[in-house]
Amino acid sequence: MLQEHQGTLSQHEIDALLSQVTQGSAPASEPQGARRGEASRYDFRSPARFSREQMRTLRLVYEDFARQCSSSLSVLLRSEVEVRLTHLEQSSGQSLSSMVGDASSAIVNLIHMAPLPGRALLIVEADLVAILVDRVLGGLGRPYIRRKREITDIERSLMEEVIRHMNRGLRTAWSKVTEVEPELESSSLDLEIIQSALGDEIVFAVLLEVLVNEVSGTMAFVLPLTLLQPIVGALRPHLLVMQHPEQEVEEDGRSAALTLEQAPVPVTVLLGTADLTFGELLDLSPGDVLCLNVSVNDDLPVTVNDVTKFRCRPGTRGKQLAVYITDTVM
């Protein structure tokens, strides 16, 4: 038995210890004062497969995705839309139903992000579907699904157009890591089947809050580990922040230009004006003719947001009234 000392081991004790290790045996007891390592819990059902660096990179990607969605959805819905990343985590496929409020009536969209393998999931809760569909149809963007029911085929069809706008932002956000072509492959209302198919596979989940006219809803973007494996080496945050300022300005300019190209603009043609007294105005009746203060040969002003930008002449095209642009007003 090794003698116990307050200081370091003697050469005799070291030789004895090495001899025991060589013979496959271990000391019968530990020296007093030796520290035992504390055992930590490890969840084998949900192992930590994403490193902190990779999680940070994915956060940067989806924060950019949230900004892109805010712009594109504002144009589509003709209303102020704010998309915010509220939470991200790594979990298992079995936990999908807990990511959104009412999973029984949520829309699960399968997104193919070519050339990456597998499919990503975009889960949109029922309240958010109601808000977006109502706004697409010209409403105020209020949730109208007050009772538990399935989402109709018409609502799913309208949501497909919304998802396509989101995919444009997704492509832009991922372009700083790798080039992908997101495409909506299908939509499903049965989250349980997809959840069963994923089983215990590790997934990366991003929770996003969508605010439309002070009413909000939740959606979750889910990426299986198998989808991200081919680009694990590219998930480094410094690769995103090392872009040149000129490149960032150029990308922001292209994004802003695309958003502006789709923005609706009111255009008005003013046929003319007439000056009347209040008495003449009160005497107007059907059949009366008003003389305008323009000649039939005069060009008419074309206004954009109440600002005169062009001059034109009126006419017809087919069965519709039309104008011919004759000049530009600087």
C-alpha atoms as a PDB file:
ATOM      1  CA  MET A   1       0.000   0.000   0.000  1.00  0.00           C
ATOM      2  CA  LEU A   2       1.332   3.418  -0.927  1.00  0.00           C
ATOM      3  CA  GLN A   3       2.391   5.642   1.869  1.00  0.00           C
ATOM      4  CA  GLU A   4       0.562   8.943   2.254  1.00  0.00           C
ATOM      5  CA  HIS A   5       2.502  12.201   2.141  1.00  0.00           C
ATOM      6  CA  GLN A   6       1.576  15.802   2.363  1.00  0.00           C
ATOM      7  CA  GLY A   7       3.758  16.664  -0.606  1.00  0.00           C
ATOM      8  CA  THR A   8       4.520  15.021  -3.959  1.00  0.00           C
ATOM      9  CA  LEU A   9       4.937  11.259  -4.480  1.00  0.00           C
ATOM     10  CA  SER A  10       8.390   9.760  -4.017  1.00  0.00           C
ATOM     11  CA  GLN A  11      10.142   7.994  -6.872  1.00  0.00           C
ATOM     12  CA  HIS A  12       9.418   4.611  -5.198  1.00  0.00           C
ATOM     13  CA  GLU A  13       5.678   5.370  -5.064  1.00  0.00           C
ATOM     14  CA  ILE A  14       5.656   6.515  -8.710  1.00  0.00           C
ATOM     15  CA  ASP A  15       7.371   3.293  -9.834  1.00  0.00           C
ATOM     16  CA  ALA A  16       4.879   1.205  -7.830  1.00  0.00           C
ATOM     17  CA  LEU A  17       1.931   3.048  -9.362  1.00  0.00           C
ATOM     18  CA  LEU A  18       3.241   2.603 -12.911  1.00  0.00           C
ATOM     19  CA  SER A  19       3.778  -1.088 -12.214  1.00  0.00           C
ATOM     20  CA  GLN A  20       0.167  -1.537 -11.137  1.00  0.00           C
ATOM     21  CA  VAL A  21      -1.134   0.266 -14.248  1.00  0.00           C
ATOM     22  CA  THR A  22       1.053  -1.904 -16.508  1.00  0.00           C
ATOM     23  CA  GLN A  23      -0.286  -5.076 -14.853  1.00  0.00           C
ATOM     24  CA  GLY A  24      -3.898  -3.934 -15.426  1.00  0.00           C
ATOM     25  CA  SER A  25      -4.708  -3.313 -11.779  1.00  0.00           C
ATOM     26  CA  ALA A  26      -5.617  -0.084 -10.025  1.00  0.00           C
ATOM     27  CA  PRO A  27      -4.818   1.175  -6.550  1.00  0.00           C
ATOM     28  CA  ALA A  28      -7.139  -0.196  -3.893  1.00  0.00           C
ATOM     29  CA  SER A  29      -7.919   3.231  -2.560  1.00  0.00           C
ATOM     30  CA  GLU A  30      -7.403   6.866  -3.432  1.00  0.00           C
ATOM     31  CA  PRO A  31      -5.106   9.083  -1.447  1.00  0.00           C
ATOM     32  CA  GLN A  32      -7.059  11.209   0.972  1.00  0.00           C
ATOM     33  CA  GLY A  33      -7.630  14.684  -0.343  1.00  0.00           C
ATOM     34  CA  ALA A  34      -7.878  13.521  -3.968  1.00  0.00           C
ATOM     35  CA  ARG A  35     -10.708  15.361  -5.729  1.00  0.00           C
ATOM     36  CA  ARG A  36     -13.485  13.438  -7.346  1.00  0.00           C
ATOM     37  CA  GLY A  37     -14.973  14.858 -10.544  1.00  0.00           C
ATOM     38  CA  GLU A  38     -18.667  15.750 -10.366  1.00  0.00           C
ATOM     39  CA  ALA A  39     -20.915  13.808 -12.755  1.00  0.00           C
ATOM     40  CA  SER A  40     -23.203  15.910 -14.968  1.00  0.00           C
ATOM     41  CA  ARG A  41     -26.553  14.868 -16.386  1.00  0.00           C
ATOM     42  CA  TYR A  42     -26.732  14.070 -20.085  1.00  0.00           C
ATOM     43  CA  ASP A  43     -30.000  13.769 -21.983  1.00  0.00           C
ATOM     44  CA  PHE A  44     -29.455  11.025 -24.561  1.00  0.00           C
ATOM     45  CA  ARG A  45     -32.872  11.735 -26.135  1.00  0.00           C
ATOM     46  CA  SER A  46     -31.919  15.352 -26.884  1.00  0.00           C
ATOM     47  CA  PRO A  47     -28.142  15.539 -27.175  1.00  0.00           C
ATOM     48  CA  ALA A  48     -26.533  18.909 -27.843  1.00  0.00           C
ATOM     49  CA  ARG A  49     -25.530  18.487 -31.441  1.00  0.00           C
ATOM     50  CA  PHE A  50     -25.217  22.167 -32.406  1.00  0.00           C
ATOM     51  CA  SER A  51     -22.274  24.066 -30.997  1.00  0.00           C
ATOM     52  CA  ARG A  52     -22.638  27.548 -29.564  1.00  0.00           C
ATOM     53  CA  GLU A  53     -20.862  28.946 -32.619  1.00  0.00           C
ATOM     54  CA  GLN A  54     -23.304  27.225 -34.966  1.00  0.00           C
ATOM     55  CA  MET A  55     -26.285  28.382 -32.895  1.00  0.00           C
ATOM     56  CA  ARG A  56     -25.007  31.947 -33.055  1.00  0.00           C
ATOM     57  CA  THR A  57     -24.621  31.723 -36.837  1.00  0.00           C
ATOM     58  CA  LEU A  58     -28.165  30.400 -37.255  1.00  0.00           C
ATOM     59  CA  ARG A  59     -29.443  33.197 -35.034  1.00  0.00           C
ATOM     60  CA  LEU A  60     -27.783  35.774 -37.311  1.00  0.00           C
ATOM     61  CA  VAL A  61     -29.304  34.114 -40.390  1.00  0.00           C
ATOM     62  CA  TYR A  62     -32.823  34.146 -38.996  1.00  0.00           C
ATOM     63  CA  GLU A  63     -32.563  37.638 -37.568  1.00  0.00           C
ATOM     64  CA  ASP A  64     -31.813  38.701 -41.143  1.00  0.00           C
ATOM     65  CA  PHE A  65     -34.728  36.520 -42.325  1.00  0.00           C
ATOM     66  CA  ALA A  66     -37.022  38.366 -39.900  1.00  0.00           C
ATOM     67  CA  ARG A  67     -35.937  41.725 -41.354  1.00  0.00           C
ATOM     68  CA  GLN A  68     -36.432  40.496 -44.915  1.00  0.00           C
ATOM     69  CA  CYS A  69     -39.909  39.164 -44.056  1.00  0.00           C
ATOM     70  CA  SER A  70     -40.885  42.462 -42.457  1.00  0.00           C
ATOM     71  CA  SER A  71     -40.177  44.260 -45.738  1.00  0.00           C
ATOM     72  CA  SER A  72     -41.702  41.733 -48.150  1.00  0.00           C
ATOM     73  CA  LEU A  73     -44.877  41.144 -46.104  1.00  0.00           C
ATOM     74  CA  SER A  74     -45.384  44.897 -45.665  1.00  0.00           C
ATOM     75  CA  VAL A  75     -45.509  45.200 -49.456  1.00  0.00           C
ATOM     76  CA  LEU A  76     -47.791  42.187 -49.939  1.00  0.00           C
ATOM     77  CA  LEU A  77     -50.242  43.107 -47.183  1.00  0.00           C
ATOM     78  CA  ARG A  78     -50.042  46.874 -47.771  1.00  0.00           C
ATOM     79  CA  SER A  79     -49.637  47.372 -44.066  1.00  0.00           C
ATOM     80  CA  GLU A  80     -46.862  47.729 -41.531  1.00  0.00           C
ATOM     81  CA  VAL A  81     -45.567  44.284 -40.595  1.00  0.00           C
ATOM     82  CA  GLU A  82     -42.877  43.515 -38.042  1.00  0.00           C
ATOM     83  CA  VAL A  83     -41.320  40.058 -37.739  1.00  0.00           C
ATOM     84  CA  ARG A  84     -39.216  39.383 -34.646  1.00  0.00           C
ATOM     85  CA  LEU A  85     -37.109  36.409 -33.614  1.00  0.00           C
ATOM     86  CA  THR A  86     -38.272  35.535 -30.100  1.00  0.00           C
ATOM     87  CA  HIS A  87     -36.563  32.219 -29.350  1.00  0.00           C
ATOM     88  CA  LEU A  88     -34.342  29.546 -30.857  1.00  0.00           C
ATOM     89  CA  GLU A  89     -33.430  26.122 -29.543  1.00  0.00           C
ATOM     90  CA  GLN A  90     -32.320  22.663 -30.490  1.00  0.00           C
ATOM     91  CA  SER A  91     -34.790  19.945 -29.694  1.00  0.00           C
ATOM     92  CA  SER A  92     -36.256  16.717 -31.067  1.00  0.00           C
ATOM     93  CA  GLY A  93     -38.977  16.161 -33.643  1.00  0.00           C
ATOM     94  CA  GLN A  94     -41.296  14.945 -30.887  1.00  0.00           C
ATOM     95  CA  SER A  95     -41.562  18.473 -29.474  1.00  0.00           C
ATOM     96  CA  LEU A  96     -42.974  20.153 -32.612  1.00  0.00           C
ATOM     97  CA  SER A  97     -46.509  20.357 -31.223  1.00  0.00           C
ATOM     98  CA  SER A  98     -45.340  22.531 -28.323  1.00  0.00           C
ATOM     99  CA  MET A  99     -43.757  25.178 -30.550  1.00  0.00           C
ATOM    100  CA  VAL A 100     -47.016  26.906 -31.570  1.00  0.00           C
ATOM    101  CA  GLY A 101     -50.160  27.712 -29.647  1.00  0.00           C
ATOM    102  CA  ASP A 102     -52.832  25.558 -31.296  1.00  0.00           C
ATOM    103  CA  ALA A 103     -50.960  22.797 -33.070  1.00  0.00           C
ATOM    104  CA  SER A 104     -54.147  20.938 -34.057  1.00  0.00           C
ATOM    105  CA  SER A 105     -55.116  23.576 -36.644  1.00  0.00           C
ATOM    106  CA  ALA A 106     -51.675  24.901 -37.643  1.00  0.00           C
ATOM    107  CA  ILE A 107     -50.451  24.778 -41.241  1.00  0.00           C
ATOM    108  CA  VAL A 108     -47.206  22.831 -41.690  1.00  0.00           C
ATOM    109  CA  ASN A 109     -45.379  23.892 -44.863  1.00  0.00           C
ATOM    110  CA  LEU A 110     -42.635  21.684 -46.311  1.00  0.00           C
ATOM    111  CA  ILE A 111     -39.851  23.868 -47.731  1.00  0.00           C
ATOM    112  CA  HIS A 112     -37.289  22.335 -50.088  1.00  0.00           C
ATOM    113  CA  MET A 113     -34.056  24.321 -49.748  1.00  0.00           C
ATOM    114  CA  ALA A 114     -32.155  23.009 -52.778  1.00  0.00           C
ATOM    115  CA  PRO A 115     -29.429  21.824 -52.969  1.00  0.00           C
ATOM    116  CA  LEU A 116     -29.615  20.860 -49.273  1.00  0.00           C
ATOM    117  CA  PRO A 117     -31.094  17.410 -48.553  1.00  0.00           C
ATOM    118  CA  GLY A 118     -34.355  16.851 -46.731  1.00  0.00           C
ATOM    119  CA  ARG A 119     -37.038  19.424 -46.023  1.00  0.00           C
ATOM    120  CA  ALA A 120     -37.392  22.331 -43.647  1.00  0.00           C
ATOM    121  CA  LEU A 121     -40.702  23.008 -41.900  1.00  0.00           C
ATOM    122  CA  LEU A 122     -42.517  26.322 -41.560  1.00  0.00           C
ATOM    123  CA  ILE A 123     -45.297  25.910 -38.989  1.00  0.00           C
ATOM    124  CA  VAL A 124     -47.864  28.739 -38.944  1.00  0.00           C
ATOM    125  CA  GLU A 125     -50.362  28.770 -36.096  1.00  0.00           C
ATOM    126  CA  ALA A 126     -54.074  29.179 -36.821  1.00  0.00           C
ATOM    127  CA  ASP A 127     -54.384  32.704 -35.383  1.00  0.00           C
ATOM    128  CA  LEU A 128     -51.578  33.971 -37.600  1.00  0.00           C
ATOM    129  CA  VAL A 129     -53.142  32.267 -40.644  1.00  0.00           C
ATOM    130  CA  ALA A 130     -56.374  34.124 -39.877  1.00  0.00           C
ATOM    131  CA  ILE A 131     -54.587  37.466 -39.535  1.00  0.00           C
ATOM    132  CA  LEU A 132     -52.620  37.092 -42.778  1.00  0.00           C
ATOM    133  CA  VAL A 133     -55.526  35.759 -44.848  1.00  0.00           C
ATOM    134  CA  ASP A 134     -57.844  38.506 -43.609  1.00  0.00           C
ATOM    135  CA  ARG A 135     -55.290  41.124 -44.612  1.00  0.00           C
ATOM    136  CA  VAL A 136     -54.664  39.540 -48.040  1.00  0.00           C
ATOM    137  CA  LEU A 137     -58.421  39.755 -48.678  1.00  0.00           C
ATOM    138  CA  GLY A 138     -58.447  43.458 -47.813  1.00  0.00           C
ATOM    139  CA  GLY A 139     -59.547  43.218 -44.190  1.00  0.00           C
ATOM    140  CA  LEU A 140     -58.039  44.865 -41.145  1.00  0.00           C
ATOM    141  CA  GLY A 141     -55.938  41.822 -40.276  1.00  0.00           C
ATOM    142  CA  ARG A 142     -57.997  40.599 -37.356  1.00  0.00           C
ATOM    143  CA  PRO A 143     -58.135  36.917 -36.369  1.00  0.00           C
ATOM    144  CA  TYR A 144     -61.563  35.607 -37.316  1.00  0.00           C
ATOM    145  CA  ILE A 145     -61.139  31.948 -36.310  1.00  0.00           C
ATOM    146  CA  ARG A 146     -62.962  32.018 -32.977  1.00  0.00           C
ATOM    147  CA  ARG A 147     -63.810  28.351 -32.761  1.00  0.00           C
ATOM    148  CA  LYS A 148     -61.711  25.268 -33.244  1.00  0.00           C
ATOM    149  CA  ARG A 149     -61.999  24.191 -36.871  1.00  0.00           C
ATOM    150  CA  GLU A 150     -59.813  23.117 -39.736  1.00  0.00           C
ATOM    151  CA  ILE A 151     -58.325  25.673 -42.090  1.00  0.00           C
ATOM    152  CA  THR A 152     -60.089  25.635 -45.455  1.00  0.00           C
ATOM    153  CA  ASP A 153     -58.503  24.913 -48.843  1.00  0.00           C
ATOM    154  CA  ILE A 154     -59.051  28.552 -49.867  1.00  0.00           C
ATOM    155  CA  GLU A 155     -57.154  29.776 -46.816  1.00  0.00           C
ATOM    156  CA  ARG A 156     -54.338  27.332 -47.535  1.00  0.00           C
ATOM    157  CA  SER A 157     -54.165  28.559 -51.147  1.00  0.00           C
ATOM    158  CA  LEU A 158     -53.949  32.193 -50.022  1.00  0.00           C
ATOM    159  CA  MET A 159     -51.252  31.282 -47.506  1.00  0.00           C
ATOM    160  CA  GLU A 160     -49.140  29.723 -50.275  1.00  0.00           C
ATOM    161  CA  GLU A 161     -48.698  33.177 -51.815  1.00  0.00           C
ATOM    162  CA  VAL A 162     -47.627  34.553 -48.438  1.00  0.00           C
ATOM    163  CA  ILE A 163     -45.091  31.712 -48.033  1.00  0.00           C
ATOM    164  CA  ARG A 164     -43.608  32.453 -51.468  1.00  0.00           C
ATOM    165  CA  HIS A 165     -42.917  36.027 -50.356  1.00  0.00           C
ATOM    166  CA  MET A 166     -41.267  34.689 -47.203  1.00  0.00           C
ATOM    167  CA  ASN A 167     -39.076  32.359 -49.272  1.00  0.00           C
ATOM    168  CA  ARG A 168     -37.535  35.339 -51.050  1.00  0.00           C
ATOM    169  CA  GLY A 169     -36.361  36.682 -47.714  1.00  0.00           C
ATOM    170  CA  LEU A 170     -35.165  33.217 -46.732  1.00  0.00           C
ATOM    171  CA  ARG A 171     -33.001  32.977 -49.855  1.00  0.00           C
ATOM    172  CA  THR A 172     -31.452  36.392 -49.151  1.00  0.00           C
ATOM    173  CA  ALA A 173     -30.778  35.585 -45.487  1.00  0.00           C
ATOM    174  CA  TRP A 174     -29.071  32.260 -46.286  1.00  0.00           C
ATOM    175  CA  SER A 175     -26.997  33.715 -49.149  1.00  0.00           C
ATOM    176  CA  LYS A 176     -24.324  34.865 -46.663  1.00  0.00           C
ATOM    177  CA  VAL A 177     -23.769  31.223 -45.652  1.00  0.00           C
ATOM    178  CA  THR A 178     -24.630  29.246 -48.786  1.00  0.00           C
ATOM    179  CA  GLU A 179     -26.794  29.622 -51.878  1.00  0.00           C
ATOM    180  CA  VAL A 180     -30.190  27.949 -51.496  1.00  0.00           C
ATOM    181  CA  GLU A 181     -33.396  28.035 -53.517  1.00  0.00           C
ATOM    182  CA  PRO A 182     -36.312  27.731 -51.072  1.00  0.00           C
ATOM    183  CA  GLU A 183     -39.471  26.377 -52.666  1.00  0.00           C
ATOM    184  CA  LEU A 184     -42.815  25.524 -51.091  1.00  0.00           C
ATOM    185  CA  GLU A 185     -43.316  21.837 -51.783  1.00  0.00           C
ATOM    186  CA  SER A 186     -46.567  21.114 -49.968  1.00  0.00           C
ATOM    187  CA  SER A 187     -48.760  22.110 -47.041  1.00  0.00           C
ATOM    188  CA  SER A 188     -50.244  19.803 -44.445  1.00  0.00           C
ATOM    189  CA  LEU A 189     -52.662  20.170 -41.563  1.00  0.00           C
ATOM    190  CA  ASP A 190     -51.566  16.987 -39.798  1.00  0.00           C
ATOM    191  CA  LEU A 191     -48.660  17.919 -37.566  1.00  0.00           C
ATOM    192  CA  GLU A 192     -48.767  14.569 -35.753  1.00  0.00           C
ATOM    193  CA  ILE A 193     -47.808  12.598 -38.878  1.00  0.00           C
ATOM    194  CA  ILE A 194     -44.804  14.833 -39.550  1.00  0.00           C
ATOM    195  CA  GLN A 195     -43.864  14.725 -35.885  1.00  0.00           C
ATOM    196  CA  SER A 196     -43.948  10.925 -35.928  1.00  0.00           C
ATOM    197  CA  ALA A 197     -41.832  10.838 -39.097  1.00  0.00           C
ATOM    198  CA  LEU A 198     -39.133  12.979 -37.466  1.00  0.00           C
ATOM    199  CA  GLY A 199     -39.184  10.911 -34.278  1.00  0.00           C
ATOM    200  CA  ASP A 200     -36.190  11.703 -32.072  1.00  0.00           C
ATOM    201  CA  GLU A 201     -34.195  13.415 -34.828  1.00  0.00           C
ATOM    202  CA  ILE A 202     -32.442  16.550 -33.620  1.00  0.00           C
ATOM    203  CA  VAL A 203     -33.923  19.748 -35.054  1.00  0.00           C
ATOM    204  CA  PHE A 204     -33.078  23.437 -34.860  1.00  0.00           C
ATOM    205  CA  ALA A 205     -36.206  25.488 -34.166  1.00  0.00           C
ATOM    206  CA  VAL A 206     -36.699  29.248 -34.575  1.00  0.00           C
ATOM    207  CA  LEU A 207     -39.782  30.919 -33.106  1.00  0.00           C
ATOM    208  CA  LEU A 208     -40.885  34.127 -34.832  1.00  0.00           C
ATOM    209  CA  GLU A 209     -43.549  36.625 -33.806  1.00  0.00           C
ATOM    210  CA  VAL A 210     -45.383  38.391 -36.638  1.00  0.00           C
ATOM    211  CA  LEU A 211     -47.021  41.698 -35.735  1.00  0.00           C
ATOM    212  CA  VAL A 212     -49.641  43.083 -38.160  1.00  0.00           C
ATOM    213  CA  ASN A 213     -51.559  46.213 -37.165  1.00  0.00           C
ATOM    214  CA  GLU A 214     -50.861  45.602 -33.464  1.00  0.00           C
ATOM    215  CA  VAL A 215     -52.186  42.021 -33.702  1.00  0.00           C
ATOM    216  CA  SER A 216     -49.622  39.240 -33.455  1.00  0.00           C
ATOM    217  CA  GLY A 217     -49.258  35.547 -34.180  1.00  0.00           C
ATOM    218  CA  THR A 218     -46.504  32.949 -34.041  1.00  0.00           C
ATOM    219  CA  MET A 219     -44.728  30.775 -36.580  1.00  0.00           C
ATOM    220  CA  ALA A 220     -41.855  28.320 -36.188  1.00  0.00           C
ATOM    221  CA  PHE A 221     -39.099  27.480 -38.670  1.00  0.00           C
ATOM    222  CA  VAL A 222     -37.717  23.978 -38.094  1.00  0.00           C
ATOM    223  CA  LEU A 223     -34.494  22.627 -39.623  1.00  0.00           C
ATOM    224  CA  PRO A 224     -33.617  18.925 -39.136  1.00  0.00           C
ATOM    225  CA  LEU A 225     -29.988  18.177 -38.374  1.00  0.00           C
ATOM    226  CA  THR A 226     -29.686  16.057 -41.526  1.00  0.00           C
ATOM    227  CA  LEU A 227     -30.533  19.112 -43.640  1.00  0.00           C
ATOM    228  CA  LEU A 228     -27.734  21.180 -42.109  1.00  0.00           C
ATOM    229  CA  GLN A 229     -25.013  18.517 -42.031  1.00  0.00           C
ATOM    230  CA  PRO A 230     -23.580  19.327 -45.511  1.00  0.00           C
ATOM    231  CA  ILE A 231     -22.932  22.960 -44.470  1.00  0.00           C
ATOM    232  CA  VAL A 232     -21.899  22.523 -40.837  1.00  0.00           C
ATOM    233  CA  GLY A 233     -18.435  23.836 -41.683  1.00  0.00           C
ATOM    234  CA  ALA A 234     -19.936  27.077 -43.041  1.00  0.00           C
ATOM    235  CA  LEU A 235     -21.913  27.818 -39.878  1.00  0.00           C
ATOM    236  CA  ARG A 236     -19.379  30.256 -38.481  1.00  0.00           C
ATOM    237  CA  PRO A 237     -20.511  33.704 -37.357  1.00  0.00           C
ATOM    238  CA  HIS A 238     -17.302  35.455 -38.417  1.00  0.00           C
ATOM    239  CA  LEU A 239     -18.045  34.504 -42.040  1.00  0.00           C
ATOM    240  CA  LEU A 240     -21.212  36.608 -41.824  1.00  0.00           C
ATOM    241  CA  VAL A 241     -19.693  39.652 -40.164  1.00  0.00           C
ATOM    242  CA  MET A 242     -16.568  39.742 -42.382  1.00  0.00           C
ATOM    243  CA  GLN A 243     -18.487  40.871 -45.465  1.00  0.00           C
ATOM    244  CA  HIS A 244     -17.254  44.083 -47.031  1.00  0.00           C
ATOM    245  CA  PRO A 245     -19.341  47.208 -46.352  1.00  0.00           C
ATOM    246  CA  GLU A 246     -19.651  47.792 -50.104  1.00  0.00           C
ATOM    247  CA  GLN A 247     -21.117  44.315 -50.553  1.00  0.00           C
ATOM    248  CA  GLU A 248     -23.611  44.869 -47.732  1.00  0.00           C
ATOM    249  CA  VAL A 249     -24.692  48.217 -49.199  1.00  0.00           C
ATOM    250  CA  GLU A 250     -25.132  46.594 -52.613  1.00  0.00           C
ATOM    251  CA  GLU A 251     -27.212  43.761 -51.163  1.00  0.00           C
ATOM    252  CA  ASP A 252     -29.347  46.189 -49.154  1.00  0.00           C
ATOM    253  CA  GLY A 253     -29.831  48.271 -52.290  1.00  0.00           C
ATOM    254  CA  ARG A 254     -31.022  45.266 -54.299  1.00  0.00           C
ATOM    255  CA  SER A 255     -33.398  44.261 -51.523  1.00  0.00           C
ATOM    256  CA  ALA A 256     -34.798  47.778 -51.238  1.00  0.00           C
ATOM    257  CA  ALA A 257     -35.189  48.034 -55.023  1.00  0.00           C
ATOM    258  CA  LEU A 258     -37.094  44.723 -55.140  1.00  0.00           C
ATOM    259  CA  THR A 259     -39.378  45.906 -52.348  1.00  0.00           C
ATOM    260  CA  LEU A 260     -40.037  49.264 -54.050  1.00  0.00           C
ATOM    261  CA  GLU A 261     -40.765  47.612 -57.404  1.00  0.00           C
ATOM    262  CA  GLN A 262     -43.684  45.751 -55.841  1.00  0.00           C
ATOM    263  CA  ALA A 263     -45.075  48.685 -53.829  1.00  0.00           C
ATOM    264  CA  PRO A 264     -48.486  49.983 -55.036  1.00  0.00           C
ATOM    265  CA  VAL A 265     -48.431  53.653 -56.133  1.00  0.00           C
ATOM    266  CA  PRO A 266     -51.592  55.793 -56.661  1.00  0.00           C
ATOM    267  CA  VAL A 267     -51.536  57.481 -60.081  1.00  0.00           C
ATOM    268  CA  THR A 268     -54.195  60.111 -60.942  1.00  0.00           C
ATOM    269  CA  VAL A 269     -55.067  62.013 -64.129  1.00  0.00           C
ATOM    270  CA  LEU A 270     -56.775  65.386 -63.562  1.00  0.00           C
ATOM    271  CA  LEU A 271     -59.208  66.106 -66.396  1.00  0.00           C
ATOM    272  CA  GLY A 272     -59.774  69.725 -65.365  1.00  0.00           C
ATOM    273  CA  THR A 273     -61.402  72.071 -62.875  1.00  0.00           C
ATOM    274  CA  ALA A 274     -64.329  74.461 -62.928  1.00  0.00           C
ATOM    275  CA  ASP A 275     -65.115  77.562 -60.854  1.00  0.00           C
ATOM    276  CA  LEU A 276     -68.697  77.792 -59.549  1.00  0.00           C
ATOM    277  CA  THR A 277     -70.514  79.986 -57.113  1.00  0.00           C
ATOM    278  CA  PHE A 278     -72.227  78.381 -54.173  1.00  0.00           C
ATOM    279  CA  GLY A 279     -75.587  79.163 -55.723  1.00  0.00           C
ATOM    280  CA  GLU A 280     -74.622  77.473 -59.003  1.00  0.00           C
ATOM    281  CA  LEU A 281     -73.436  74.445 -57.054  1.00  0.00           C
ATOM    282  CA  LEU A 282     -76.809  74.161 -55.304  1.00  0.00           C
ATOM    283  CA  ASP A 283     -78.642  74.365 -58.650  1.00  0.00           C
ATOM    284  CA  LEU A 284     -76.717  71.487 -60.272  1.00  0.00           C
ATOM    285  CA  SER A 285     -78.853  68.585 -61.456  1.00  0.00           C
ATOM    286  CA  PRO A 286     -78.483  65.592 -63.811  1.00  0.00           C
ATOM    287  CA  GLY A 287     -78.175  66.782 -67.419  1.00  0.00           C
ATOM    288  CA  ASP A 288     -76.251  69.980 -66.631  1.00  0.00           C
ATOM    289  CA  VAL A 289     -72.938  70.537 -68.438  1.00  0.00           C
ATOM    290  CA  LEU A 290     -69.865  71.947 -66.718  1.00  0.00           C
ATOM    291  CA  CYS A 291     -67.199  73.708 -68.786  1.00  0.00           C
ATOM    292  CA  LEU A 292     -63.699  72.890 -67.573  1.00  0.00           C
ATOM    293  CA  ASN A 293     -60.842  75.367 -67.652  1.00  0.00           C
ATOM    294  CA  VAL A 294     -58.809  73.318 -70.160  1.00  0.00           C
ATOM    295  CA  SER A 295     -58.858  73.105 -73.934  1.00  0.00           C
ATOM    296  CA  VAL A 296     -59.450  69.849 -75.787  1.00  0.00           C
ATOM    297  CA  ASN A 297     -55.901  70.132 -77.123  1.00  0.00           C
ATOM    298  CA  ASP A 298     -54.265  70.742 -73.736  1.00  0.00           C
ATOM    299  CA  ASP A 299     -52.150  68.116 -72.041  1.00  0.00           C
ATOM    300  CA  LEU A 300     -53.444  66.853 -68.708  1.00  0.00           C
ATOM    301  CA  PRO A 301     -51.354  66.477 -65.541  1.00  0.00           C
ATOM    302  CA  VAL A 302     -50.539  62.990 -64.213  1.00  0.00           C
ATOM    303  CA  THR A 303     -49.921  62.978 -60.468  1.00  0.00           C
ATOM    304  CA  VAL A 304     -48.093  60.363 -58.368  1.00  0.00           C
ATOM    305  CA  ASN A 305     -48.951  60.646 -54.672  1.00  0.00           C
ATOM    306  CA  ASP A 306     -50.497  64.065 -55.443  1.00  0.00           C
ATOM    307  CA  VAL A 307     -47.284  65.303 -57.094  1.00  0.00           C
ATOM    308  CA  THR A 308     -47.359  66.122 -60.837  1.00  0.00           C
ATOM    309  CA  LYS A 309     -44.809  63.899 -62.617  1.00  0.00           C
ATOM    310  CA  PHE A 310     -46.048  63.612 -66.240  1.00  0.00           C
ATOM    311  CA  ARG A 311     -48.242  65.264 -68.876  1.00  0.00           C
ATOM    312  CA  CYS A 312     -50.630  63.224 -70.987  1.00  0.00           C
ATOM    313  CA  ARG A 313     -53.501  63.277 -73.495  1.00  0.00           C
ATOM    314  CA  PRO A 314     -56.720  61.324 -72.929  1.00  0.00           C
ATOM    315  CA  GLY A 315     -58.054  58.676 -75.285  1.00  0.00           C
ATOM    316  CA  THR A 316     -59.290  55.107 -75.367  1.00  0.00           C
ATOM    317  CA  ARG A 317     -57.756  51.671 -75.748  1.00  0.00           C
ATOM    318  CA  GLY A 318     -60.224  48.990 -76.578  1.00  0.00           C
ATOM    319  CA  LYS A 319     -63.215  49.535 -74.318  1.00  0.00           C
ATOM    320  CA  GLN A 320     -61.261  51.371 -71.620  1.00  0.00           C
ATOM    321  CA  LEU A 321     -60.274  54.977 -71.131  1.00  0.00           C
ATOM    322  CA  ALA A 322     -56.536  55.530 -71.434  1.00  0.00           C
ATOM    323  CA  VAL A 323     -53.936  58.280 -71.504  1.00  0.00           C
ATOM    324  CA  TYR A 324     -50.877  58.815 -73.675  1.00  0.00           C
ATOM    325  CA  ILE A 325     -47.807  60.175 -71.834  1.00  0.00           C
ATOM    326  CA  THR A 326     -46.461  63.178 -73.728  1.00  0.00           C
ATOM    327  CA  ASP A 327     -43.908  64.698 -71.381  1.00  0.00           C
ATOM    328  CA  THR A 328     -42.080  64.300 -68.066  1.00  0.00           C
ATOM    329  CA  VAL A 329     -42.274  66.986 -65.378  1.00  0.00           C
ATOM    330  CA  MET A 330     -38.959  67.421 -63.533  1.00  0.00           C
END
